[in-house]
Amino acid sequence: MIVAILFAHVAGCLALEGEPRELRLLGMLPMTGTAWPGGSACLVPIQMALADVNAYPNLLHRYNLTYKYIDTMVC
């Protein structure tokens, strides 16, 4: 049964053509507040890493890596 499920998954993935699928990452960063200003400092390297990963189409074949953050607003 596991082999059948795996085969169905692989066959479904191979059948997909066209636009890449979105692979979303979610992070929690303190972008506002006064306790720790590191959230905005972390955002730039994250964006650079995403650009690097998405620049290599064979790294995440048929996927586009995206990132969204939640502001934890440390007071």
Protein backbone atom coordinates (compact mmCIF):
# COMPACT_ATOMS: atom_id res chain seq x y z
CA MET A 1 0.00 0.00 0.00
CA ILE A 2 2.85 2.41 0.81
CA VAL A 3 4.39 1.71 -2.60
CA ALA A 4 1.06 2.48 -4.30
CA ILE A 5 0.74 5.79 -2.44
CA LEU A 6 4.34 6.71 -3.26
CA PHE A 7 3.84 5.80 -6.93
CA ALA A 8 0.66 7.89 -7.10
CA HIS A 9 2.49 10.84 -5.54
CA VAL A 10 5.46 10.56 -7.91
CA ALA A 11 3.21 10.12 -10.93
CA GLY A 12 1.21 13.18 -9.90
CA CYS A 13 4.37 15.24 -9.47
CA LEU A 14 5.77 14.16 -12.81
CA ALA A 15 2.50 15.00 -14.54
CA LEU A 16 2.62 18.60 -13.34
CA GLU A 17 3.85 20.95 -16.02
CA GLY A 18 3.74 24.69 -16.37
CA GLU A 19 3.92 27.20 -13.57
CA PRO A 20 6.02 26.42 -10.48
CA ARG A 21 4.25 25.70 -7.23
CA GLU A 22 4.63 28.11 -4.34
CA LEU A 23 6.47 26.80 -1.29
CA ARG A 24 5.77 29.18 1.61
CA LEU A 25 7.89 29.77 4.68
CA LEU A 26 6.54 31.65 7.67
CA GLY A 27 8.64 33.40 10.28
CA MET A 28 8.07 35.40 13.41
CA LEU A 29 10.27 38.51 13.62
CA PRO A 30 10.12 41.50 15.98
CA MET A 31 9.88 44.25 13.35
CA THR A 32 8.46 46.93 15.65
CA GLY A 33 9.06 47.71 19.29
CA THR A 34 12.11 48.80 21.25
CA ALA A 35 13.33 45.68 23.06
CA TRP A 36 15.27 44.07 20.19
CA PRO A 37 15.83 45.71 16.79
CA GLY A 38 17.10 42.49 15.22
CA GLY A 39 13.96 41.63 13.27
CA SER A 40 14.61 44.11 10.49
CA ALA A 41 18.27 43.07 10.44
CA CYS A 42 17.22 39.43 9.90
CA LEU A 43 14.79 40.19 7.07
CA VAL A 44 17.42 41.26 4.52
CA PRO A 45 19.53 38.06 4.76
CA ILE A 46 16.35 35.97 4.55
CA GLN A 47 15.34 37.77 1.36
CA MET A 48 18.85 37.32 -0.07
CA ALA A 49 18.79 33.60 0.72
CA LEU A 50 15.39 33.20 -0.96
CA ALA A 51 16.67 34.96 -4.06
CA ASP A 52 19.71 32.66 -4.14
CA VAL A 53 17.62 29.50 -3.75
CA ASN A 54 15.11 30.58 -6.39
CA ALA A 55 17.95 31.47 -8.79
CA TYR A 56 18.81 27.77 -9.17
CA PRO A 57 15.87 26.06 -10.92
CA ASN A 58 17.20 22.55 -10.27
CA LEU A 59 17.52 23.07 -6.51
CA LEU A 60 13.76 23.11 -5.84
CA HIS A 61 12.49 21.83 -9.17
CA ARG A 62 9.09 23.33 -10.06
CA TYR A 63 8.86 25.25 -6.77
CA ASN A 64 9.13 28.94 -5.97
CA LEU A 65 10.22 29.60 -2.40
CA THR A 66 8.44 32.54 -0.73
CA TYR A 67 8.57 34.01 2.76
CA LYS A 68 6.09 35.85 4.93
CA TYR A 69 6.73 37.13 8.44
CA ILE A 70 4.57 37.92 11.42
CA ASP A 71 5.58 40.96 13.47
CA THR A 72 5.90 39.84 17.08
CA MET A 73 6.18 43.51 18.19
CA VAL A 74 8.55 43.17 21.12
CA CYS A 75 7.90 46.02 23.57
